[in-house]
Amino acid sequence: MSSSQVKWDCSQCGCAPNDCRKYCTECHSMLTWTCTGSGKSGWHSNYYRHRNNYSYCTPELEEEKQQEMEEKQQQLQALDDSK
């Protein structure tokens, strides 16, 4: 998940930093994120869990991932069959 797919925001003062820092430099409250792909949002502390499961909010990436896994399984099966 690239940084362009996440918008950071401070709900206290409205500051919108461009990086993934935990606290607002203006008012020191915890920042929130919004995923532009899914519209999901949350506190900074939940961002990494969302990022690690990003395929959940982009079905096209999940399909691509599935297809790659199937291709790898076929390649492994072909190698196993050739023994």
PDB file of N, CA and C in Angstrom:
ATOM      1  N   MET A   1       0.854  -1.153   0.000  1.00  0.00           N
ATOM      2  CA  MET A   1       0.000   0.000   0.000  1.00  0.00           C
ATOM      3  C   MET A   1       0.901   1.216   0.000  1.00  0.00           C
ATOM      4  N   SER A   2       0.776   2.026  -1.023  1.00  0.00           N
ATOM      5  CA  SER A   2       1.666   3.182  -1.121  1.00  0.00           C
ATOM      6  C   SER A   2       1.105   4.359  -0.336  1.00  0.00           C
ATOM      7  N   SER A   3       1.960   5.305  -0.050  1.00  0.00           N
ATOM      8  CA  SER A   3       1.554   6.467   0.727  1.00  0.00           C
ATOM      9  C   SER A   3       0.511   7.305   0.007  1.00  0.00           C
ATOM     10  N   SER A   4       0.422   7.203  -1.324  1.00  0.00           N
ATOM     11  CA  SER A   4      -0.587   7.972  -2.058  1.00  0.00           C
ATOM     12  C   SER A   4      -1.980   7.375  -1.863  1.00  0.00           C
ATOM     13  N   GLN A   5      -2.064   6.159  -1.335  1.00  0.00           N
ATOM     14  CA  GLN A   5      -3.350   5.512  -1.102  1.00  0.00           C
ATOM     15  C   GLN A   5      -3.859   5.746   0.310  1.00  0.00           C
ATOM     16  N   VAL A   6      -3.117   6.521   1.098  1.00  0.00           N
ATOM     17  CA  VAL A   6      -3.494   6.828   2.473  1.00  0.00           C
ATOM     18  C   VAL A   6      -3.434   8.325   2.696  1.00  0.00           C
ATOM     19  N   LYS A   7      -4.475   8.843   3.293  1.00  0.00           N
ATOM     20  CA  LYS A   7      -4.510  10.261   3.663  1.00  0.00           C
ATOM     21  C   LYS A   7      -4.458  10.332   5.182  1.00  0.00           C
ATOM     22  N   TRP A   8      -3.557  11.146   5.705  1.00  0.00           N
ATOM     23  CA  TRP A   8      -3.415  11.335   7.142  1.00  0.00           C
ATOM     24  C   TRP A   8      -4.093  12.624   7.557  1.00  0.00           C
ATOM     25  N   ASP A   9      -4.649  12.644   8.780  1.00  0.00           N
ATOM     26  CA  ASP A   9      -5.430  13.784   9.223  1.00  0.00           C
ATOM     27  C   ASP A   9      -5.418  13.862  10.748  1.00  0.00           C
ATOM     28  N   CYS A  10      -5.449  15.058  11.264  1.00  0.00           N
ATOM     29  CA  CYS A  10      -5.599  15.273  12.700  1.00  0.00           C
ATOM     30  C   CYS A  10      -7.030  15.731  12.952  1.00  0.00           C
ATOM     31  N   SER A  11      -7.759  14.964  13.740  1.00  0.00           N
ATOM     32  CA  SER A  11      -9.158  15.310  13.992  1.00  0.00           C
ATOM     33  C   SER A  11      -9.292  16.489  14.950  1.00  0.00           C
ATOM     34  N   GLN A  12      -8.229  16.822  15.679  1.00  0.00           N
ATOM     35  CA  GLN A  12      -8.284  17.935  16.625  1.00  0.00           C
ATOM     36  C   GLN A  12      -8.086  19.293  15.960  1.00  0.00           C
ATOM     37  N   CYS A  13      -7.006  19.412  15.176  1.00  0.00           N
ATOM     38  CA  CYS A  13      -6.686  20.735  14.615  1.00  0.00           C
ATOM     39  C   CYS A  13      -6.837  20.801  13.092  1.00  0.00           C
ATOM     40  N   GLY A  14      -7.102  19.659  12.437  1.00  0.00           N
ATOM     41  CA  GLY A  14      -7.308  19.665  10.994  1.00  0.00           C
ATOM     42  C   GLY A  14      -6.030  19.601  10.177  1.00  0.00           C
ATOM     43  N   CYS A  15      -4.896  19.458  10.831  1.00  0.00           N
ATOM     44  CA  CYS A  15      -3.614  19.353  10.138  1.00  0.00           C
ATOM     45  C   CYS A  15      -3.629  18.087   9.263  1.00  0.00           C
ATOM     46  N   ALA A  16      -3.009  18.151   8.090  1.00  0.00           N
ATOM     47  CA  ALA A  16      -2.971  17.002   7.174  1.00  0.00           C
ATOM     48  C   ALA A  16      -1.528  16.714   6.759  1.00  0.00           C
ATOM     49  N   PRO A  17      -0.763  16.010   7.603  1.00  0.00           N
ATOM     50  CA  PRO A  17       0.632  15.716   7.252  1.00  0.00           C
ATOM     51  C   PRO A  17       0.731  14.741   6.087  1.00  0.00           C
ATOM     52  N   ASN A  18       1.868  14.733   5.427  1.00  0.00           N
ATOM     53  CA  ASN A  18       2.081  13.853   4.278  1.00  0.00           C
ATOM     54  C   ASN A  18       2.799  12.564   4.647  1.00  0.00           C
ATOM     55  N   ASP A  19       3.197  12.432   5.900  1.00  0.00           N
ATOM     56  CA  ASP A  19       3.930  11.234   6.291  1.00  0.00           C
ATOM     57  C   ASP A  19       3.183  10.459   7.378  1.00  0.00           C
ATOM     58  N   CYS A  20       3.754   9.331   7.745  1.00  0.00           N
ATOM     59  CA  CYS A  20       3.113   8.388   8.645  1.00  0.00           C
ATOM     60  C   CYS A  20       3.570   8.570  10.087  1.00  0.00           C
ATOM     61  N   ARG A  21       3.552   9.778  10.584  1.00  0.00           N
ATOM     62  CA  ARG A  21       3.957   9.958  11.989  1.00  0.00           C
ATOM     63  C   ARG A  21       2.754   9.655  12.885  1.00  0.00           C
ATOM     64  N   LYS A  22       3.028   9.359  14.123  1.00  0.00           N
ATOM     65  CA  LYS A  22       1.966   8.934  15.033  1.00  0.00           C
ATOM     66  C   LYS A  22       1.172  10.104  15.601  1.00  0.00           C
ATOM     67  N   TYR A  23       1.868  11.186  15.936  1.00  0.00           N
ATOM     68  CA  TYR A  23       1.202  12.317  16.574  1.00  0.00           C
ATOM     69  C   TYR A  23       1.337  13.587  15.748  1.00  0.00           C
ATOM     70  N   CYS A  24       0.342  14.425  15.861  1.00  0.00           N
ATOM     71  CA  CYS A  24       0.326  15.716  15.174  1.00  0.00           C
ATOM     72  C   CYS A  24       1.410  16.616  15.773  1.00  0.00           C
ATOM     73  N   THR A  25       2.153  17.285  14.927  1.00  0.00           N
ATOM     74  CA  THR A  25       3.200  18.185  15.413  1.00  0.00           C
ATOM     75  C   THR A  25       2.616  19.495  15.953  1.00  0.00           C
ATOM     76  N   GLU A  26       1.386  19.800  15.570  1.00  0.00           N
ATOM     77  CA  GLU A  26       0.753  21.047  16.023  1.00  0.00           C
ATOM     78  C   GLU A  26       0.122  20.905  17.410  1.00  0.00           C
ATOM     79  N   CYS A  27      -0.751  19.879  17.575  1.00  0.00           N
ATOM     80  CA  CYS A  27      -1.505  19.757  18.833  1.00  0.00           C
ATOM     81  C   CYS A  27      -1.174  18.490  19.618  1.00  0.00           C
ATOM     82  N   HIS A  28      -0.338  17.622  19.055  1.00  0.00           N
ATOM     83  CA  HIS A  28       0.148  16.401  19.710  1.00  0.00           C
ATOM     84  C   HIS A  28      -0.919  15.323  19.928  1.00  0.00           C
ATOM     85  N   SER A  29      -2.031  15.393  19.224  1.00  0.00           N
ATOM     86  CA  SER A  29      -3.016  14.308  19.316  1.00  0.00           C
ATOM     87  C   SER A  29      -2.686  13.247  18.273  1.00  0.00           C
ATOM     88  N   MET A  30      -3.190  12.024  18.487  1.00  0.00           N
ATOM     89  CA  MET A  30      -2.883  10.924  17.572  1.00  0.00           C
ATOM     90  C   MET A  30      -3.576  11.153  16.232  1.00  0.00           C
ATOM     91  N   LEU A  31      -2.831  10.897  15.158  1.00  0.00           N
ATOM     92  CA  LEU A  31      -3.363  11.090  13.812  1.00  0.00           C
ATOM     93  C   LEU A  31      -4.267   9.931  13.404  1.00  0.00           C
ATOM     94  N   THR A  32      -5.139  10.193  12.458  1.00  0.00           N
ATOM     95  CA  THR A  32      -5.983   9.158  11.863  1.00  0.00           C
ATOM     96  C   THR A  32      -5.618   9.044  10.393  1.00  0.00           C
ATOM     97  N   TRP A  33      -5.905   7.860   9.819  1.00  0.00           N
ATOM     98  CA  TRP A  33      -5.623   7.607   8.415  1.00  0.00           C
ATOM     99  C   TRP A  33      -6.923   7.248   7.722  1.00  0.00           C
ATOM    100  N   THR A  34      -6.962   7.469   6.409  1.00  0.00           N
ATOM    101  CA  THR A  34      -8.081   7.040   5.579  1.00  0.00           C
ATOM    102  C   THR A  34      -7.504   6.396   4.330  1.00  0.00           C
ATOM    103  N   CYS A  35      -7.923   5.174   4.057  1.00  0.00           N
ATOM    104  CA  CYS A  35      -7.495   4.453   2.863  1.00  0.00           C
ATOM    105  C   CYS A  35      -8.348   4.943   1.702  1.00  0.00           C
ATOM    106  N   THR A  36      -7.708   5.496   0.671  1.00  0.00           N
ATOM    107  CA  THR A  36      -8.480   6.023  -0.455  1.00  0.00           C
ATOM    108  C   THR A  36      -9.078   4.910  -1.307  1.00  0.00           C
ATOM    109  N   GLY A  37      -8.529   3.696  -1.216  1.00  0.00           N
ATOM    110  CA  GLY A  37      -9.056   2.571  -1.980  1.00  0.00           C
ATOM    111  C   GLY A  37     -10.355   2.033  -1.429  1.00  0.00           C
ATOM    112  N   SER A  38     -10.474   1.991  -0.100  1.00  0.00           N
ATOM    113  CA  SER A  38     -11.654   1.385   0.516  1.00  0.00           C
ATOM    114  C   SER A  38     -12.506   2.366   1.300  1.00  0.00           C
ATOM    115  N   GLY A  39     -11.919   3.515   1.648  1.00  0.00           N
ATOM    116  CA  GLY A  39     -12.641   4.468   2.475  1.00  0.00           C
ATOM    117  C   GLY A  39     -12.548   4.132   3.959  1.00  0.00           C
ATOM    118  N   LYS A  40     -11.868   3.039   4.313  1.00  0.00           N
ATOM    119  CA  LYS A  40     -11.706   2.675   5.720  1.00  0.00           C
ATOM    120  C   LYS A  40     -10.765   3.671   6.377  1.00  0.00           C
ATOM    121  N   SER A  41     -10.968   3.855   7.679  1.00  0.00           N
ATOM    122  CA  SER A  41     -10.105   4.778   8.407  1.00  0.00           C
ATOM    123  C   SER A  41      -9.936   4.298   9.835  1.00  0.00           C
ATOM    124  N   GLY A  42      -8.977   4.884  10.516  1.00  0.00           N
ATOM    125  CA  GLY A  42      -8.735   4.519  11.907  1.00  0.00           C
ATOM    126  C   GLY A  42      -7.582   5.295  12.486  1.00  0.00           C
ATOM    127  N   TRP A  43      -7.286   4.971  13.755  1.00  0.00           N
ATOM    128  CA  TRP A  43      -6.171   5.596  14.438  1.00  0.00           C
ATOM    129  C   TRP A  43      -4.869   5.074  13.871  1.00  0.00           C
ATOM    130  N   HIS A  44      -3.796   5.824  14.092  1.00  0.00           N
ATOM    131  CA  HIS A  44      -2.460   5.433  13.648  1.00  0.00           C
ATOM    132  C   HIS A  44      -2.120   4.021  14.109  1.00  0.00           C
ATOM    133  N   SER A  45      -2.513   3.648  15.320  1.00  0.00           N
ATOM    134  CA  SER A  45      -2.170   2.339  15.873  1.00  0.00           C
ATOM    135  C   SER A  45      -2.776   1.178  15.086  1.00  0.00           C
ATOM    136  N   ASN A  46      -3.827   1.413  14.310  1.00  0.00           N
ATOM    137  CA  ASN A  46      -4.441   0.359  13.496  1.00  0.00           C
ATOM    138  C   ASN A  46      -3.977   0.363  12.042  1.00  0.00           C
ATOM    139  N   TYR A  47      -3.179   1.350  11.677  1.00  0.00           N
ATOM    140  CA  TYR A  47      -2.759   1.498  10.283  1.00  0.00           C
ATOM    141  C   TYR A  47      -1.978   0.296   9.773  1.00  0.00           C
ATOM    142  N   TYR A  48      -1.029  -0.205  10.547  1.00  0.00           N
ATOM    143  CA  TYR A  48      -0.170  -1.290  10.064  1.00  0.00           C
ATOM    144  C   TYR A  48      -0.953  -2.577   9.854  1.00  0.00           C
ATOM    145  N   ARG A  49      -1.943  -2.834  10.688  1.00  0.00           N
ATOM    146  CA  ARG A  49      -2.791  -4.009  10.483  1.00  0.00           C
ATOM    147  C   ARG A  49      -3.555  -3.872   9.170  1.00  0.00           C
ATOM    148  N   HIS A  50      -4.073  -2.702   8.914  1.00  0.00           N
ATOM    149  CA  HIS A  50      -4.799  -2.483   7.659  1.00  0.00           C
ATOM    150  C   HIS A  50      -3.857  -2.620   6.467  1.00  0.00           C
ATOM    151  N   ARG A  51      -2.679  -2.034   6.568  1.00  0.00           N
ATOM    152  CA  ARG A  51      -1.713  -2.091   5.476  1.00  0.00           C
ATOM    153  C   ARG A  51      -1.324  -3.533   5.159  1.00  0.00           C
ATOM    154  N   ASN A  52      -1.147  -4.346   6.192  1.00  0.00           N
ATOM    155  CA  ASN A  52      -0.757  -5.741   5.983  1.00  0.00           C
ATOM    156  C   ASN A  52      -1.876  -6.575   5.374  1.00  0.00           C
ATOM    157  N   ASN A  53      -3.111  -6.130   5.534  1.00  0.00           N
ATOM    158  CA  ASN A  53      -4.258  -6.846   4.975  1.00  0.00           C
ATOM    159  C   ASN A  53      -4.919  -6.051   3.862  1.00  0.00           C
ATOM    160  N   TYR A  54      -4.153  -5.262   3.159  1.00  0.00           N
ATOM    161  CA  TYR A  54      -4.688  -4.331   2.170  1.00  0.00           C
ATOM    162  C   TYR A  54      -5.475  -5.006   1.066  1.00  0.00           C
ATOM    163  N   SER A  55      -5.132  -6.247   0.745  1.00  0.00           N
ATOM    164  CA  SER A  55      -5.842  -6.933  -0.340  1.00  0.00           C
ATOM    165  C   SER A  55      -7.335  -7.029  -0.028  1.00  0.00           C
ATOM    166  N   TYR A  56      -7.680  -6.956   1.253  1.00  0.00           N
ATOM    167  CA  TYR A  56      -9.089  -7.010   1.670  1.00  0.00           C
ATOM    168  C   TYR A  56      -9.889  -5.858   1.068  1.00  0.00           C
ATOM    169  N   CYS A  57      -9.275  -4.697   0.938  1.00  0.00           N
ATOM    170  CA  CYS A  57     -10.028  -3.565   0.408  1.00  0.00           C
ATOM    171  C   CYS A  57      -9.852  -3.341  -1.074  1.00  0.00           C
ATOM    172  N   THR A  58      -9.044  -4.124  -1.718  1.00  0.00           N
ATOM    173  CA  THR A  58      -8.913  -4.019  -3.165  1.00  0.00           C
ATOM    174  C   THR A  58      -9.065  -5.410  -3.783  1.00  0.00           C
ATOM    175  N   PRO A  59     -10.275  -5.806  -4.110  1.00  0.00           N
ATOM    176  CA  PRO A  59     -10.535  -7.147  -4.640  1.00  0.00           C
ATOM    177  C   PRO A  59      -9.708  -7.489  -5.875  1.00  0.00           C
ATOM    178  N   GLU A  60      -9.394  -6.494  -6.709  1.00  0.00           N
ATOM    179  CA  GLU A  60      -8.608  -6.789  -7.910  1.00  0.00           C
ATOM    180  C   GLU A  60      -7.200  -7.254  -7.546  1.00  0.00           C
ATOM    181  N   LEU A  61      -6.632  -6.711  -6.475  1.00  0.00           N
ATOM    182  CA  LEU A  61      -5.326  -7.171  -6.021  1.00  0.00           C
ATOM    183  C   LEU A  61      -5.417  -8.576  -5.436  1.00  0.00           C
ATOM    184  N   GLU A  62      -6.503  -8.857  -4.763  1.00  0.00           N
ATOM    185  CA  GLU A  62      -6.702 -10.179  -4.192  1.00  0.00           C
ATOM    186  C   GLU A  62      -6.813 -11.226  -5.301  1.00  0.00           C
ATOM    187  N   GLU A  63      -7.529 -10.902  -6.374  1.00  0.00           N
ATOM    188  CA  GLU A  63      -7.654 -11.819  -7.516  1.00  0.00           C
ATOM    189  C   GLU A  63      -6.287 -12.079  -8.153  1.00  0.00           C
ATOM    190  N   GLU A  64      -5.502 -11.022  -8.292  1.00  0.00           N
ATOM    191  CA  GLU A  64      -4.156 -11.141  -8.855  1.00  0.00           C
ATOM    192  C   GLU A  64      -3.291 -12.060  -7.985  1.00  0.00           C
ATOM    193  N   LYS A  65      -3.386 -11.871  -6.691  1.00  0.00           N
ATOM    194  CA  LYS A  65      -2.636 -12.676  -5.741  1.00  0.00           C
ATOM    195  C   LYS A  65      -3.047 -14.157  -5.837  1.00  0.00           C
ATOM    196  N   GLN A  66      -4.357 -14.410  -5.938  1.00  0.00           N
ATOM    197  CA  GLN A  66      -4.880 -15.772  -6.081  1.00  0.00           C
ATOM    198  C   GLN A  66      -4.320 -16.431  -7.336  1.00  0.00           C
ATOM    199  N   GLN A  67      -4.339 -15.700  -8.428  1.00  0.00           N
ATOM    200  CA  GLN A  67      -3.871 -16.210  -9.706  1.00  0.00           C
ATOM    201  C   GLN A  67      -2.377 -16.570  -9.636  1.00  0.00           C
ATOM    202  N   GLU A  68      -1.592 -15.715  -8.999  1.00  0.00           N
ATOM    203  CA  GLU A  68      -0.168 -15.987  -8.843  1.00  0.00           C
ATOM    204  C   GLU A  68       0.060 -17.247  -8.014  1.00  0.00           C
ATOM    205  N   MET A  69      -0.719 -17.415  -6.960  1.00  0.00           N
ATOM    206  CA  MET A  69      -0.599 -18.602  -6.113  1.00  0.00           C
ATOM    207  C   MET A  69      -0.934 -19.864  -6.905  1.00  0.00           C
ATOM    208  N   GLU A  70      -1.980 -19.803  -7.716  1.00  0.00           N
ATOM    209  CA  GLU A  70      -2.373 -20.957  -8.529  1.00  0.00           C
ATOM    210  C   GLU A  70      -1.268 -21.313  -9.529  1.00  0.00           C
ATOM    211  N   GLU A  71      -0.673 -20.305 -10.146  1.00  0.00           N
ATOM    212  CA  GLU A  71       0.419 -20.537 -11.098  1.00  0.00           C
ATOM    213  C   GLU A  71       1.614 -21.185 -10.405  1.00  0.00           C
ATOM    214  N   LYS A  72       1.956 -20.710  -9.220  1.00  0.00           N
ATOM    215  CA  LYS A  72       3.068 -21.285  -8.474  1.00  0.00           C
ATOM    216  C   LYS A  72       2.777 -22.737  -8.099  1.00  0.00           C
ATOM    217  N   GLN A  73       1.527 -23.012  -7.702  1.00  0.00           N
ATOM    218  CA  GLN A  73       1.160 -24.386  -7.353  1.00  0.00           C
ATOM    219  C   GLN A  73       1.265 -25.301  -8.567  1.00  0.00           C
ATOM    220  N   GLN A  74       0.871 -24.813  -9.727  1.00  0.00           N
ATOM    221  CA  GLN A  74       0.969 -25.604 -10.950  1.00  0.00           C
ATOM    222  C   GLN A  74       2.434 -25.879 -11.291  1.00  0.00           C
ATOM    223  N   GLN A  75       3.281 -24.874 -11.130  1.00  0.00           N
ATOM    224  CA  GLN A  75       4.709 -25.058 -11.397  1.00  0.00           C
ATOM    225  C   GLN A  75       5.321 -26.082 -10.442  1.00  0.00           C
ATOM    226  N   LEU A  76       4.965 -25.998  -9.178  1.00  0.00           N
ATOM    227  CA  LEU A  76       5.469 -26.954  -8.195  1.00  0.00           C
ATOM    228  C   LEU A  76       4.969 -28.359  -8.510  1.00  0.00           C
ATOM    229  N   GLN A  77       3.717 -28.474  -8.904  1.00  0.00           N
ATOM    230  CA  GLN A  77       3.141 -29.774  -9.246  1.00  0.00           C
ATOM    231  C   GLN A  77       3.865 -30.362 -10.464  1.00  0.00           C
ATOM    232  N   ALA A  78       4.164 -29.523 -11.447  1.00  0.00           N
ATOM    233  CA  ALA A  78       4.871 -29.982 -12.642  1.00  0.00           C
ATOM    234  C   ALA A  78       6.282 -30.471 -12.276  1.00  0.00           C
ATOM    235  N   LEU A  79       6.935 -29.762 -11.374  1.00  0.00           N
ATOM    236  CA  LEU A  79       8.266 -30.193 -10.926  1.00  0.00           C
ATOM    237  C   LEU A  79       8.181 -31.512 -10.162  1.00  0.00           C
ATOM    238  N   ASP A  80       7.173 -31.631  -9.355  1.00  0.00           N
ATOM    239  CA  ASP A  80       6.982 -32.852  -8.564  1.00  0.00           C
ATOM    240  C   ASP A  80       6.665 -34.047  -9.473  1.00  0.00           C
ATOM    241  N   ASP A  81       5.857 -33.812 -10.497  1.00  0.00           N
ATOM    242  CA  ASP A  81       5.482 -34.874 -11.441  1.00  0.00           C
ATOM    243  C   ASP A  81       6.659 -35.319 -12.281  1.00  0.00           C
ATOM    244  N   SER A  82       7.626 -34.437 -12.510  1.00  0.00           N
ATOM    245  CA  SER A  82       8.758 -34.787 -13.370  1.00  0.00           C
ATOM    246  C   SER A  82       9.794 -35.661 -12.639  1.00  0.00           C
ATOM    247  N   LYS A  83       9.641 -35.840 -11.358  1.00  0.00           N
ATOM    248  CA  LYS A  83      10.596 -36.654 -10.585  1.00  0.00           C
ATOM    249  C   LYS A  83      10.340 -38.131 -10.735  1.00  0.00           C
TER     250      LYS A  83
END
